[in-house]
Amino acid sequence: MPKLLFALPPLLFLALLPQGAAVPSAQTAQPAQAAQPAPPDQSAPPAQAAPPDQAAPPDQSASPDQAAAPAAAVPANNPVKPTADSQAHAAATFKIDCAMCHGENGDGKGDLVSDMGLSMKDLRDPATLQNKTDGEIYTIIHDGKGKMPAEGDRAKPDDIWNLVILVRGFAKK
């Protein structure tokens, strides 16, 4: 049953796509020969390449090793004070969205770990998160990391902060 929950959100997404967004059929696709480049502008002089020593440096901002920058600055410390209700909501969210990989108690032994070939850290071990700020954990939950999907805009910021409190709490039990 938990494996079905993991596959259900993408299936719902596909079901909600408008019919016009589907892949074009063979009838509407244009043959490759029909697309011909426009003739060059005869009035413009030909462009000359810059000498190698004057070439523009490669774009350093788009490195595949760098994660996408978060939409807004995230504080390093958690601004949310937990309540019994907020932590109950965080536990329910964790059980639905996270436990399939991270395990019910954060041990990293969820149902999908072996199926997806994952190597999960034990969140109950205090050393696992000791070098991460609350803001870094928030960003990982919000933006995702590796094969972990992003919570993104599905969760309100306060809900993500409460997940940070919950995850940090696994190491204290």
Protein backbone atom coordinates (compact mmCIF):
# COMPACT_ATOMS: atom_id res chain seq x y z
CA MET A 1 0.00 0.00 0.00
CA PRO A 2 2.76 2.57 0.78
CA LYS A 3 4.27 2.02 -2.68
CA LEU A 4 0.93 3.01 -4.22
CA LEU A 5 0.97 6.27 -2.24
CA PHE A 6 4.33 7.12 -3.79
CA ALA A 7 3.04 6.60 -7.32
CA LEU A 8 -0.33 8.24 -6.77
CA PRO A 9 0.72 11.97 -6.88
CA PRO A 10 2.39 11.68 -10.33
CA LEU A 11 -0.61 9.78 -11.66
CA LEU A 12 -2.96 12.47 -10.37
CA PHE A 13 -0.77 15.12 -11.98
CA LEU A 14 -1.00 13.37 -15.35
CA ALA A 15 -4.76 12.96 -14.98
CA LEU A 16 -5.16 16.70 -14.39
CA LEU A 17 -3.20 17.81 -17.47
CA PRO A 18 -5.38 19.49 -20.08
CA GLN A 19 -6.06 17.35 -23.10
CA GLY A 20 -4.32 19.88 -25.37
CA ALA A 21 -1.04 19.31 -23.52
CA ALA A 22 -0.74 15.74 -24.75
CA VAL A 23 1.99 14.68 -27.15
CA PRO A 24 0.97 15.62 -30.70
CA SER A 25 -0.26 12.76 -32.82
CA ALA A 26 1.36 11.69 -36.08
CA GLN A 27 -1.35 13.55 -38.01
CA THR A 28 -0.48 16.93 -36.49
CA ALA A 29 3.29 16.49 -36.53
CA GLN A 30 5.07 18.25 -39.37
CA PRO A 31 7.58 16.28 -41.43
CA ALA A 32 11.21 17.15 -40.77
CA GLN A 33 11.69 18.36 -44.36
CA ALA A 34 9.01 21.04 -44.00
CA ALA A 35 11.06 23.00 -41.46
CA GLN A 36 13.71 24.85 -43.46
CA PRO A 37 15.94 27.56 -42.04
CA ALA A 38 15.23 31.11 -43.09
CA PRO A 39 17.61 32.51 -45.71
CA PRO A 40 20.44 34.62 -44.24
CA ASP A 41 19.95 38.37 -44.20
CA GLN A 42 21.90 39.62 -47.21
CA SER A 43 22.15 43.20 -45.91
CA ALA A 44 23.95 42.32 -42.66
CA PRO A 45 27.74 41.81 -42.74
CA PRO A 46 28.91 38.34 -41.71
CA ALA A 47 29.63 37.98 -38.01
CA GLN A 48 33.23 37.48 -37.04
CA ALA A 49 34.28 35.37 -34.10
CA ALA A 50 36.35 37.05 -31.41
CA PRO A 51 39.96 35.94 -31.07
CA PRO A 52 40.41 33.21 -28.43
CA ASP A 53 41.98 35.61 -25.93
CA GLN A 54 38.93 37.92 -26.18
CA ALA A 55 36.24 35.22 -26.07
CA ALA A 56 33.65 35.55 -23.34
CA PRO A 57 34.31 33.35 -20.31
CA PRO A 58 32.00 30.36 -19.94
CA ASP A 59 28.92 30.87 -17.80
CA GLN A 60 29.95 29.81 -14.31
CA SER A 61 26.50 30.35 -12.77
CA ALA A 62 24.88 27.21 -14.19
CA SER A 63 26.85 24.41 -12.61
CA PRO A 64 25.16 21.01 -12.43
CA ASP A 65 26.65 20.53 -8.96
CA GLN A 66 24.78 23.52 -7.58
CA ALA A 67 21.19 23.17 -6.46
CA ALA A 68 18.64 25.71 -7.61
CA ALA A 69 18.57 28.72 -5.33
CA PRO A 70 15.53 28.89 -3.07
CA ALA A 71 12.86 31.39 -4.05
CA ALA A 72 13.29 33.40 -0.86
CA ALA A 73 15.98 33.71 1.77
CA VAL A 74 15.47 31.15 4.51
CA PRO A 75 16.56 32.03 8.04
CA ALA A 76 19.14 29.72 9.63
CA ASN A 77 17.09 29.32 12.81
CA ASN A 78 13.55 27.99 12.92
CA PRO A 79 11.13 30.90 13.50
CA VAL A 80 8.18 28.60 14.37
CA LYS A 81 7.26 27.59 17.91
CA PRO A 82 5.79 24.08 17.96
CA THR A 83 2.36 23.30 19.35
CA ALA A 84 0.74 19.93 19.94
CA ASP A 85 -1.51 20.46 16.89
CA SER A 86 1.31 21.61 14.61
CA GLN A 87 3.47 18.63 15.55
CA ALA A 88 0.55 16.23 15.05
CA HIS A 89 0.08 17.73 11.57
CA ALA A 90 3.83 17.42 10.90
CA ALA A 91 3.78 13.77 12.00
CA ALA A 92 0.83 13.05 9.68
CA THR A 93 2.61 14.80 6.79
CA PHE A 94 5.82 12.87 7.49
CA LYS A 95 3.90 9.59 7.54
CA ILE A 96 2.33 10.34 4.13
CA ASP A 97 5.19 12.06 2.28
CA CYS A 98 8.41 10.95 3.97
CA ALA A 99 8.11 7.65 5.85
CA MET A 100 8.04 5.56 2.67
CA CYS A 101 11.78 6.27 2.36
CA HIS A 102 12.90 7.66 5.73
CA GLY A 103 10.97 5.06 7.79
CA GLU A 104 8.16 5.64 10.28
CA ASN A 105 10.63 6.65 13.01
CA GLY A 106 13.34 8.21 10.79
CA ASP A 107 15.57 5.13 10.80
CA GLY A 108 16.07 5.29 7.00
CA LYS A 109 14.49 1.88 6.43
CA GLY A 110 11.33 2.81 4.56
CA ASP A 111 9.51 0.50 2.17
CA LEU A 112 10.95 2.08 -0.99
CA VAL A 113 14.61 2.18 0.05
CA SER A 114 15.55 -1.17 -1.47
CA ASP A 115 13.19 -0.80 -4.45
CA MET A 116 14.77 2.50 -5.47
CA GLY A 117 18.33 1.55 -4.53
CA LEU A 118 18.59 4.31 -1.92
CA SER A 119 21.05 4.69 0.91
CA MET A 120 19.26 6.61 3.66
CA LYS A 121 20.80 8.17 6.75
CA ASP A 122 19.38 7.37 10.16
CA LEU A 123 17.72 10.58 11.37
CA ARG A 124 17.70 9.16 14.92
CA ASP A 125 21.49 9.49 15.03
CA PRO A 126 22.33 12.95 16.46
CA ALA A 127 25.41 13.19 14.23
CA THR A 128 23.29 13.00 11.06
CA LEU A 129 21.94 16.55 11.31
CA GLN A 130 24.30 18.19 13.80
CA ASN A 131 26.15 20.17 11.10
CA LYS A 132 22.99 21.35 9.35
CA THR A 133 21.10 24.50 10.28
CA ASP A 134 17.31 24.45 10.49
CA GLY A 135 17.33 26.62 7.35
CA GLU A 136 19.36 24.01 5.44
CA ILE A 137 16.94 21.26 6.47
CA TYR A 138 14.01 23.51 5.48
CA THR A 139 15.57 24.05 2.04
CA ILE A 140 16.10 20.31 1.52
CA ILE A 141 12.46 19.60 2.39
CA HIS A 142 11.17 22.49 0.28
CA ASP A 143 13.41 22.02 -2.80
CA GLY A 144 14.12 18.28 -2.58
CA LYS A 145 17.53 16.67 -2.96
CA GLY A 146 18.69 13.92 -5.28
CA LYS A 147 15.83 11.45 -5.68
CA MET A 148 13.87 13.10 -2.86
CA PRO A 149 11.01 15.09 -4.38
CA ALA A 150 10.39 18.65 -3.29
CA GLU A 151 7.59 19.48 -0.91
CA GLY A 152 7.60 22.86 -2.65
CA ASP A 153 4.39 24.82 -2.69
CA ARG A 154 2.32 21.82 -1.55
CA ALA A 155 3.14 22.75 2.04
CA LYS A 156 2.93 26.09 3.80
CA PRO A 157 6.20 27.44 5.20
CA ASP A 158 5.04 26.88 8.80
CA ASP A 159 4.27 23.24 7.96
CA ILE A 160 7.79 22.75 6.61
CA TRP A 161 9.29 24.41 9.71
CA ASN A 162 7.25 22.02 11.86
CA LEU A 163 8.64 19.10 9.80
CA VAL A 164 12.13 20.42 10.64
CA ILE A 165 11.22 20.32 14.35
CA LEU A 166 9.86 16.78 13.95
CA VAL A 167 12.94 15.53 12.08
CA ARG A 168 15.27 17.08 14.66
CA GLY A 169 13.17 15.38 17.36
CA PHE A 170 13.94 11.90 16.00
CA ALA A 171 17.51 12.23 17.35
CA LYS A 172 16.24 13.12 20.84
CA LYS A 173 14.07 10.04 21.33
